[in-house]
């Protein structure tokens, strides 16, 4: 299993609560629709970055396939304009 953790900052002027809801609505339903995506959650953070995305995949290959999957790419179009900076870390269990 692969755990994928991404921390984001929003661009200046973005309403964080509204943006988080848009992001959740776009990404969480992908669980069960994209092969190998086991779990996904999106939450505002209270220190450091603005929000965190945590997801679990069956394998590195599943995570790589998720990144280019048409459903994921379409979901990103709904919120990509809100994103400023991004830091990611992945690890195998």
N, C-alpha and C. Protein backbone atom coordinates (compact mmCIF):
# COMPACT_ATOMS: atom_id res chain seq x y z
N UNK A 1 0.85 -1.18 0.00
CA UNK A 1 0.00 0.00 0.00
C UNK A 1 0.89 1.24 0.00
N UNK A 2 0.42 2.29 -0.67
CA UNK A 2 1.11 3.57 -0.71
C UNK A 2 0.23 4.61 -0.01
N UNK A 3 0.88 5.39 0.84
CA UNK A 3 0.21 6.53 1.47
C UNK A 3 0.75 7.78 0.81
N UNK A 4 -0.17 8.66 0.44
CA UNK A 4 0.14 9.88 -0.31
C UNK A 4 -0.37 11.07 0.50
N UNK A 5 0.55 11.94 0.91
CA UNK A 5 0.20 13.09 1.73
C UNK A 5 0.65 14.34 0.98
N UNK A 6 -0.27 15.27 0.81
CA UNK A 6 0.04 16.52 0.11
C UNK A 6 -0.46 17.68 0.96
N UNK A 7 0.40 18.67 1.13
CA UNK A 7 0.04 19.89 1.85
C UNK A 7 0.02 21.04 0.85
N UNK A 8 -1.00 21.88 0.96
CA UNK A 8 -1.20 22.96 0.01
C UNK A 8 -1.39 24.30 0.71
N UNK A 9 -1.02 25.35 0.03
CA UNK A 9 -1.43 26.71 0.36
C UNK A 9 -2.29 27.21 -0.78
N UNK A 10 -3.33 27.95 -0.41
CA UNK A 10 -4.17 28.57 -1.41
C UNK A 10 -3.54 29.87 -1.91
N UNK A 11 -3.96 30.28 -3.07
CA UNK A 11 -3.55 31.59 -3.58
C UNK A 11 -4.20 32.69 -2.73
N UNK A 12 -3.62 33.84 -2.76
CA UNK A 12 -4.13 35.01 -2.03
C UNK A 12 -5.58 35.29 -2.41
N UNK A 13 -6.41 35.54 -1.41
CA UNK A 13 -7.79 35.92 -1.65
C UNK A 13 -8.79 34.78 -1.78
N UNK A 14 -8.34 33.54 -1.75
CA UNK A 14 -9.25 32.40 -1.88
C UNK A 14 -9.98 32.18 -0.56
N UNK A 15 -11.30 32.00 -0.62
CA UNK A 15 -12.08 31.67 0.56
C UNK A 15 -11.81 30.20 0.90
N UNK A 16 -11.10 29.95 1.98
CA UNK A 16 -10.63 28.61 2.31
C UNK A 16 -11.76 27.61 2.52
N UNK A 17 -12.79 28.00 3.26
CA UNK A 17 -13.89 27.08 3.55
C UNK A 17 -14.63 26.67 2.27
N UNK A 18 -14.89 27.64 1.42
CA UNK A 18 -15.57 27.34 0.16
C UNK A 18 -14.68 26.47 -0.74
N UNK A 19 -13.41 26.80 -0.80
CA UNK A 19 -12.50 26.03 -1.64
C UNK A 19 -12.39 24.60 -1.16
N UNK A 20 -12.29 24.38 0.14
CA UNK A 20 -12.20 23.02 0.67
C UNK A 20 -13.43 22.21 0.29
N UNK A 21 -14.60 22.82 0.37
CA UNK A 21 -15.81 22.08 0.02
C UNK A 21 -15.81 21.70 -1.46
N UNK A 22 -15.38 22.60 -2.32
CA UNK A 22 -15.29 22.31 -3.75
C UNK A 22 -14.30 21.16 -3.99
N UNK A 23 -13.16 21.21 -3.32
CA UNK A 23 -12.14 20.17 -3.48
C UNK A 23 -12.66 18.82 -2.99
N UNK A 24 -13.26 18.80 -1.80
CA UNK A 24 -13.83 17.55 -1.27
C UNK A 24 -14.87 16.98 -2.24
N UNK A 25 -15.79 17.84 -2.67
CA UNK A 25 -16.86 17.38 -3.57
C UNK A 25 -16.30 16.82 -4.87
N UNK A 26 -15.16 17.32 -5.30
CA UNK A 26 -14.56 16.85 -6.55
C UNK A 26 -13.76 15.56 -6.36
N UNK A 27 -13.04 15.43 -5.25
CA UNK A 27 -12.10 14.31 -5.09
C UNK A 27 -12.61 13.10 -4.32
N UNK A 28 -13.32 13.32 -3.23
CA UNK A 28 -13.74 12.19 -2.39
C UNK A 28 -14.58 11.16 -3.17
N UNK A 29 -15.49 11.58 -4.04
CA UNK A 29 -16.27 10.58 -4.80
C UNK A 29 -15.44 9.71 -5.75
N UNK A 30 -14.18 10.05 -5.97
CA UNK A 30 -13.34 9.24 -6.85
C UNK A 30 -12.98 7.88 -6.23
N UNK A 31 -13.08 7.80 -4.90
CA UNK A 31 -12.85 6.51 -4.23
C UNK A 31 -13.94 5.55 -4.71
N UNK A 32 -13.53 4.41 -5.21
CA UNK A 32 -14.47 3.45 -5.77
C UNK A 32 -14.69 3.61 -7.27
N UNK A 33 -14.24 4.74 -7.82
CA UNK A 33 -14.37 4.97 -9.26
C UNK A 33 -13.05 4.81 -9.99
N UNK A 34 -11.95 5.02 -9.27
CA UNK A 34 -10.62 4.89 -9.88
C UNK A 34 -9.94 3.67 -9.26
N UNK A 35 -9.58 2.69 -10.07
CA UNK A 35 -8.97 1.47 -9.54
C UNK A 35 -7.73 1.77 -8.70
N UNK A 36 -7.66 1.11 -7.54
CA UNK A 36 -6.50 1.21 -6.68
C UNK A 36 -6.54 2.34 -5.68
N UNK A 37 -7.48 3.28 -5.81
CA UNK A 37 -7.64 4.36 -4.84
C UNK A 37 -8.50 3.84 -3.70
N UNK A 38 -7.89 3.64 -2.53
CA UNK A 38 -8.58 3.05 -1.38
C UNK A 38 -9.29 4.08 -0.50
N UNK A 39 -8.65 5.22 -0.32
CA UNK A 39 -9.15 6.21 0.65
C UNK A 39 -8.64 7.58 0.25
N UNK A 40 -9.45 8.62 0.52
CA UNK A 40 -9.03 9.98 0.24
C UNK A 40 -9.78 10.91 1.17
N UNK A 41 -9.05 11.83 1.77
CA UNK A 41 -9.68 12.85 2.61
C UNK A 41 -8.97 14.18 2.39
N UNK A 42 -9.74 15.25 2.57
CA UNK A 42 -9.25 16.61 2.39
C UNK A 42 -9.71 17.41 3.59
N UNK A 43 -8.76 18.10 4.26
CA UNK A 43 -9.12 18.87 5.45
C UNK A 43 -8.29 20.13 5.56
N UNK A 44 -8.94 21.20 6.08
CA UNK A 44 -8.20 22.40 6.43
C UNK A 44 -7.22 22.05 7.54
N UNK A 45 -6.09 22.71 7.54
CA UNK A 45 -5.12 22.52 8.62
C UNK A 45 -5.17 23.75 9.53
N UNK A 46 -4.63 23.61 10.72
CA UNK A 46 -4.65 24.73 11.65
C UNK A 46 -3.26 25.27 11.93
N UNK A 47 -2.28 24.74 11.23
CA UNK A 47 -0.92 25.22 11.41
C UNK A 47 -0.13 24.97 10.13
N UNK A 48 0.67 25.92 9.74
CA UNK A 48 1.52 25.74 8.56
C UNK A 48 0.78 25.97 7.26
N UNK A 49 0.55 24.92 6.52
CA UNK A 49 -0.12 25.01 5.22
C UNK A 49 -1.63 25.18 5.42
N UNK A 50 -2.35 25.49 4.32
CA UNK A 50 -3.80 25.74 4.40
C UNK A 50 -4.64 24.48 4.48
N UNK A 51 -4.25 23.44 3.71
CA UNK A 51 -5.02 22.20 3.79
C UNK A 51 -4.16 21.00 3.44
N UNK A 52 -4.68 19.85 3.84
CA UNK A 52 -3.97 18.59 3.60
C UNK A 52 -4.87 17.63 2.84
N UNK A 53 -4.25 16.90 1.92
CA UNK A 53 -4.91 15.80 1.22
C UNK A 53 -4.17 14.53 1.64
N UNK A 54 -4.93 13.55 2.10
CA UNK A 54 -4.37 12.26 2.49
C UNK A 54 -5.09 11.20 1.68
N UNK A 55 -4.32 10.32 1.04
CA UNK A 55 -4.95 9.24 0.27
C UNK A 55 -4.11 7.98 0.38
N UNK A 56 -4.78 6.86 0.11
CA UNK A 56 -4.14 5.55 0.14
C UNK A 56 -4.42 4.83 -1.17
N UNK A 57 -3.38 4.16 -1.67
CA UNK A 57 -3.47 3.44 -2.94
C UNK A 57 -2.98 2.01 -2.74
N UNK A 58 -3.46 1.12 -3.58
CA UNK A 58 -3.03 -0.28 -3.53
C UNK A 58 -1.54 -0.44 -3.81
N UNK A 59 -1.00 0.43 -4.67
CA UNK A 59 0.39 0.28 -5.11
C UNK A 59 0.88 1.60 -5.71
N UNK A 60 2.19 1.64 -5.99
CA UNK A 60 2.74 2.82 -6.68
C UNK A 60 2.13 2.95 -8.06
N UNK A 61 1.94 1.83 -8.73
CA UNK A 61 1.33 1.86 -10.06
C UNK A 61 -0.08 2.45 -9.99
N UNK A 62 -0.85 2.05 -8.98
CA UNK A 62 -2.21 2.59 -8.83
C UNK A 62 -2.17 4.11 -8.62
N UNK A 63 -1.21 4.59 -7.83
CA UNK A 63 -1.08 6.02 -7.59
C UNK A 63 -0.69 6.75 -8.88
N UNK A 64 0.23 6.17 -9.64
CA UNK A 64 0.63 6.77 -10.91
C UNK A 64 -0.53 6.80 -11.90
N UNK A 65 -1.33 5.75 -11.92
CA UNK A 65 -2.50 5.71 -12.81
C UNK A 65 -3.55 6.73 -12.40
N UNK A 66 -3.73 6.91 -11.08
CA UNK A 66 -4.66 7.90 -10.56
C UNK A 66 -4.28 9.31 -11.06
N UNK A 67 -3.00 9.60 -11.03
CA UNK A 67 -2.52 10.94 -11.40
C UNK A 67 -2.94 11.33 -12.82
N UNK A 68 -3.06 10.37 -13.71
CA UNK A 68 -3.40 10.67 -15.11
C UNK A 68 -4.79 10.17 -15.50
N UNK A 69 -5.53 9.65 -14.54
CA UNK A 69 -6.86 9.13 -14.84
C UNK A 69 -7.79 10.29 -15.25
N UNK A 70 -8.61 10.10 -16.28
CA UNK A 70 -9.49 11.17 -16.75
C UNK A 70 -10.42 11.73 -15.68
N UNK A 71 -10.92 10.89 -14.77
CA UNK A 71 -11.80 11.40 -13.71
C UNK A 71 -11.03 12.32 -12.75
N UNK A 72 -9.80 11.96 -12.44
CA UNK A 72 -8.98 12.80 -11.58
C UNK A 72 -8.64 14.12 -12.26
N UNK A 73 -8.26 14.04 -13.52
CA UNK A 73 -7.92 15.26 -14.27
C UNK A 73 -9.12 16.19 -14.37
N UNK A 74 -10.31 15.63 -14.58
CA UNK A 74 -11.52 16.45 -14.64
C UNK A 74 -11.83 17.08 -13.29
N UNK A 75 -11.61 16.33 -12.21
CA UNK A 75 -11.84 16.86 -10.86
C UNK A 75 -10.90 18.03 -10.58
N UNK A 76 -9.64 17.89 -10.94
CA UNK A 76 -8.66 18.95 -10.70
C UNK A 76 -9.04 20.26 -11.40
N UNK A 77 -9.69 20.17 -12.54
CA UNK A 77 -10.09 21.37 -13.27
C UNK A 77 -11.04 22.24 -12.44
N UNK A 78 -11.74 21.65 -11.49
CA UNK A 78 -12.71 22.38 -10.66
C UNK A 78 -12.05 23.23 -9.59
N UNK A 79 -10.79 22.95 -9.26
CA UNK A 79 -10.18 23.68 -8.15
C UNK A 79 -8.72 24.06 -8.36
N UNK A 80 -8.11 23.65 -9.44
CA UNK A 80 -6.68 23.91 -9.64
C UNK A 80 -6.33 25.39 -9.55
N UNK A 81 -7.26 26.26 -9.93
CA UNK A 81 -7.00 27.70 -9.92
C UNK A 81 -6.86 28.26 -8.50
N UNK A 82 -7.26 27.50 -7.46
CA UNK A 82 -7.15 27.96 -6.08
C UNK A 82 -5.76 27.71 -5.48
N UNK A 83 -5.01 26.80 -6.08
CA UNK A 83 -3.79 26.27 -5.47
C UNK A 83 -2.60 27.19 -5.70
N UNK A 84 -1.90 27.48 -4.60
CA UNK A 84 -0.67 28.24 -4.68
C UNK A 84 0.52 27.29 -4.66
N UNK A 85 0.94 26.90 -3.47
CA UNK A 85 2.09 26.00 -3.34
C UNK A 85 1.64 24.62 -2.90
N UNK A 86 2.53 23.65 -3.15
CA UNK A 86 2.21 22.24 -2.89
C UNK A 86 3.48 21.52 -2.46
N UNK A 87 3.37 20.68 -1.44
CA UNK A 87 4.46 19.83 -0.99
C UNK A 87 3.88 18.43 -0.80
N UNK A 88 4.52 17.41 -1.37
CA UNK A 88 4.00 16.05 -1.31
C UNK A 88 5.03 15.08 -0.76
N UNK A 89 4.51 14.01 -0.14
CA UNK A 89 5.35 12.90 0.30
C UNK A 89 4.56 11.62 0.14
N UNK A 90 5.23 10.60 -0.35
CA UNK A 90 4.61 9.29 -0.54
C UNK A 90 5.51 8.25 0.14
N UNK A 91 4.85 7.22 0.69
CA UNK A 91 5.64 6.13 1.25
C UNK A 91 4.89 4.82 1.15
N UNK A 92 5.67 3.75 1.10
CA UNK A 92 5.14 2.40 1.00
C UNK A 92 4.99 1.80 2.38
N UNK A 93 3.96 1.00 2.54
CA UNK A 93 3.81 0.21 3.76
C UNK A 93 4.13 -1.24 3.46
